[in-house]
Amino acid sequence: MQKAWNEMDRNYSVTRFETELSIDELLSKYFDFEKTHKLCSACSGYAQTWACPPFDFEPEDFFRQFSVFRLIVDRIDNAGAADVDEAQQRLFTEKDRYDQEMLDLEKSIPESYGLAAQECVQCKKCARLSGHPCVHPDKMRYSLEAIGCFPVELVHDKFGFDILWSDGESIPEYYLLVAGVLKK
């Protein structure tokens, strides 16, 4: 399914892509926590938030609580962005909207769990850094990458396009927000 929309205060488009796959397919084709954990451990944000590894649970067991994954991808068009900062601001603005939408979907679908796009940004400084529990467990959600999945392959296989990044100087054609909802 594809859906495009523009809000009056937006001078760019966001196109939505959705599909569903079984948890078995997700785990067999796109999950390898060992590999993603190794990549995560090289990140400067590793163990800095409760949404990032290491975890006190097994990610595969977490997924096995569910039977279906509704993959939801928003493609944010960067045409007309004056510079890298403007394109990134579009991404950050849309991430806030997107993550809230995943939480709202979770509330509307019985026995589901919404995932977040990219890292958790609920707090300026996560309570994990001071050894305290998450102060927003109602809003903190894991990203696909953090819990062992490879969104690059998933998006390419399901929708036929790639995830693009900026090198800090160039503006990619688009940015993606990749997450969705796990359903029982």
Protein backbone atom coordinates (compact mmCIF):
# COMPACT_ATOMS: atom_id res chain seq x y z
CA MET A 1 0.00 0.00 0.00
CA GLN A 2 1.26 3.49 -0.79
CA LYS A 3 -0.14 6.75 0.49
CA ALA A 4 1.17 10.25 -0.13
CA TRP A 5 0.06 13.35 1.74
CA ASN A 6 1.02 16.94 2.27
CA GLU A 7 0.03 19.11 5.17
CA MET A 8 -0.42 22.82 4.61
CA ASP A 9 2.71 23.75 6.54
CA ARG A 10 4.84 21.20 4.71
CA ASN A 11 6.74 22.07 1.54
CA TYR A 12 7.77 18.48 0.88
CA SER A 13 6.00 15.15 0.47
CA VAL A 14 5.96 12.05 2.59
CA THR A 15 4.99 8.77 0.97
CA ARG A 16 3.94 5.79 3.07
CA PHE A 17 4.62 2.16 2.19
CA GLU A 18 3.12 -0.72 4.18
CA THR A 19 3.11 -4.47 4.14
CA GLU A 20 2.72 -7.31 6.59
CA LEU A 21 4.92 -10.34 7.10
CA SER A 22 4.90 -13.17 9.55
CA ILE A 23 7.24 -13.12 12.51
CA ASP A 24 8.70 -16.37 11.18
CA GLU A 25 9.61 -14.64 7.90
CA LEU A 26 10.98 -11.60 9.73
CA LEU A 27 13.17 -13.78 11.93
CA SER A 28 14.35 -16.16 9.22
CA LYS A 29 15.24 -13.49 6.62
CA TYR A 30 15.98 -10.25 8.44
CA PHE A 31 17.03 -11.06 12.02
CA ASP A 32 20.53 -11.70 13.36
CA PHE A 33 20.99 -10.19 16.78
CA GLU A 34 24.63 -11.24 16.98
CA LYS A 35 25.46 -9.16 13.90
CA THR A 36 23.33 -6.15 14.82
CA HIS A 37 24.62 -6.22 18.40
CA LYS A 38 28.18 -6.13 17.10
CA LEU A 39 27.31 -3.10 14.94
CA CYS A 40 25.46 -1.44 17.83
CA SER A 41 28.38 -1.94 20.20
CA ALA A 42 30.57 0.14 17.86
CA CYS A 43 28.13 3.08 18.05
CA SER A 44 28.79 6.03 20.36
CA GLY A 45 25.22 5.64 21.65
CA TYR A 46 25.70 2.00 22.70
CA ALA A 47 24.15 1.31 26.14
CA GLN A 48 23.28 5.01 26.46
CA THR A 49 19.48 4.52 26.40
CA TRP A 50 17.07 1.82 27.53
CA ALA A 51 16.05 1.38 23.87
CA CYS A 52 19.58 0.25 22.93
CA PRO A 53 21.41 -2.99 23.73
CA PRO A 54 22.54 -4.68 25.80
CA PHE A 55 19.17 -5.90 27.01
CA ASP A 56 18.03 -8.06 29.90
CA PHE A 57 15.93 -10.14 27.47
CA GLU A 58 16.51 -12.18 24.35
CA PRO A 59 15.35 -10.22 21.29
CA GLU A 60 14.24 -13.36 19.46
CA ASP A 61 12.02 -14.28 22.43
CA PHE A 62 10.64 -10.75 22.36
CA PHE A 63 9.62 -11.17 18.68
CA ARG A 64 8.16 -14.64 19.30
CA GLN A 65 5.44 -13.08 21.49
CA PHE A 66 3.89 -11.88 18.22
CA SER A 67 2.75 -13.50 14.97
CA VAL A 68 2.69 -10.63 12.47
CA PHE A 69 4.83 -7.59 11.74
CA ARG A 70 3.20 -4.65 9.98
CA LEU A 71 6.11 -2.86 8.34
CA ILE A 72 5.48 0.86 7.89
CA VAL A 73 7.94 3.01 5.95
CA ASP A 74 7.65 6.75 5.41
CA ARG A 75 9.78 8.18 2.59
CA ILE A 76 10.51 11.87 3.13
CA ASP A 77 11.28 13.71 -0.09
CA ASN A 78 14.27 16.05 0.14
CA ALA A 79 13.58 17.91 -3.13
CA GLY A 80 13.85 21.62 -2.59
CA ALA A 81 15.82 21.35 0.65
CA ALA A 82 18.22 24.29 0.70
CA ASP A 83 20.94 22.43 2.57
CA VAL A 84 21.76 19.34 4.62
CA ASP A 85 20.42 20.95 7.80
CA GLU A 86 17.02 21.58 6.22
CA ALA A 87 16.79 18.00 4.96
CA GLN A 88 17.74 16.65 8.39
CA GLN A 89 15.20 18.94 10.06
CA ARG A 90 12.52 17.38 7.85
CA LEU A 91 13.64 13.96 9.08
CA PHE A 92 13.57 14.98 12.77
CA THR A 93 10.16 16.63 12.40
CA GLU A 94 8.71 13.58 10.67
CA LYS A 95 10.33 11.19 13.18
CA ASP A 96 8.44 12.83 16.05
CA ARG A 97 5.15 12.50 14.14
CA TYR A 98 5.94 8.96 12.99
CA ASP A 99 6.95 7.62 16.41
CA GLN A 100 3.80 9.10 17.95
CA GLU A 101 1.75 7.48 15.22
CA MET A 102 3.32 4.07 15.99
CA LEU A 103 2.35 4.53 19.66
CA ASP A 104 -1.19 5.50 18.62
CA LEU A 105 -1.43 2.42 16.38
CA GLU A 106 -0.26 0.26 19.26
CA LYS A 107 -3.09 1.63 21.40
CA SER A 108 -5.65 0.98 18.65
CA ILE A 109 -4.56 -2.62 17.88
CA PRO A 110 -5.17 -5.11 20.68
CA GLU A 111 -2.07 -6.96 21.93
CA SER A 112 0.40 -5.08 19.78
CA TYR A 113 3.70 -3.27 20.23
CA GLY A 114 4.76 -0.27 18.16
CA LEU A 115 8.40 0.10 17.23
CA ALA A 116 10.29 3.37 16.85
CA ALA A 117 12.23 4.68 13.88
CA GLN A 118 15.91 4.96 14.73
CA GLU A 119 16.99 5.71 18.29
CA CYS A 120 14.90 6.76 21.28
CA VAL A 121 14.81 10.53 21.76
CA GLN A 122 12.26 10.81 24.57
CA CYS A 123 14.76 12.34 27.00
CA LYS A 124 17.79 14.62 26.62
CA LYS A 125 19.68 12.31 28.98
CA CYS A 126 18.44 8.77 29.52
CA ALA A 127 17.97 7.54 33.10
CA ARG A 128 19.97 4.45 32.11
CA LEU A 129 23.15 6.56 32.38
CA SER A 130 22.55 7.04 36.09
CA GLY A 131 21.37 3.48 36.71
CA HIS A 132 17.68 4.33 36.97
CA PRO A 133 14.74 2.77 35.15
CA CYS A 134 13.22 4.41 32.09
CA VAL A 135 11.15 7.45 33.03
CA HIS A 136 8.93 7.08 29.94
CA PRO A 137 8.26 3.33 29.58
CA ASP A 138 4.90 4.27 28.04
CA LYS A 139 6.74 6.01 25.16
CA MET A 140 10.16 4.33 24.91
CA ARG A 141 10.19 1.81 22.07
CA TYR A 142 12.88 -0.24 20.38
CA SER A 143 13.99 0.21 16.79
CA LEU A 144 14.27 -2.73 14.41
CA GLU A 145 18.06 -2.41 14.40
CA ALA A 146 18.37 -2.37 18.18
CA ILE A 147 16.47 -5.63 18.55
CA GLY A 148 18.28 -7.49 15.80
CA CYS A 149 16.76 -6.77 12.39
CA PHE A 150 18.24 -5.41 9.18
CA PRO A 151 15.92 -2.71 7.80
CA VAL A 152 18.10 -2.11 4.72
CA GLU A 153 17.40 -5.61 3.38
CA LEU A 154 13.80 -5.57 4.59
CA VAL A 155 12.95 -2.30 2.81
CA HIS A 156 14.77 -3.32 -0.37
CA ASP A 157 13.08 -6.74 -0.53
CA LYS A 158 9.58 -5.52 0.30
CA PHE A 159 9.48 -2.20 -1.58
CA GLY A 160 12.36 -2.28 -4.07
CA PHE A 161 14.19 0.87 -2.99
CA ASP A 162 17.16 1.55 -0.75
CA ILE A 163 17.79 3.41 2.47
CA LEU A 164 19.91 6.49 1.74
CA TRP A 165 22.20 8.47 4.05
CA SER A 166 23.91 11.83 3.92
CA ASP A 167 27.68 12.09 4.12
CA GLY A 168 27.15 15.39 5.93
CA GLU A 169 27.67 17.41 2.78
CA SER A 170 25.26 16.00 0.21
CA ILE A 171 21.49 15.75 0.44
CA PRO A 172 20.07 12.32 -0.39
CA GLU A 173 16.99 12.17 -2.61
CA TYR A 174 14.96 11.04 0.40
CA TYR A 175 15.19 9.84 3.99
CA LEU A 176 13.26 6.89 5.39
CA LEU A 177 11.58 6.20 8.70
CA VAL A 178 11.34 2.45 9.14
CA ALA A 179 9.45 0.67 11.92
CA GLY A 180 5.94 -0.63 12.36
CA VAL A 181 3.75 -2.61 14.70
CA LEU A 182 4.14 -6.14 16.05
CA LYS A 183 0.79 -7.92 16.45
CA LYS A 184 -0.19 -11.07 18.33
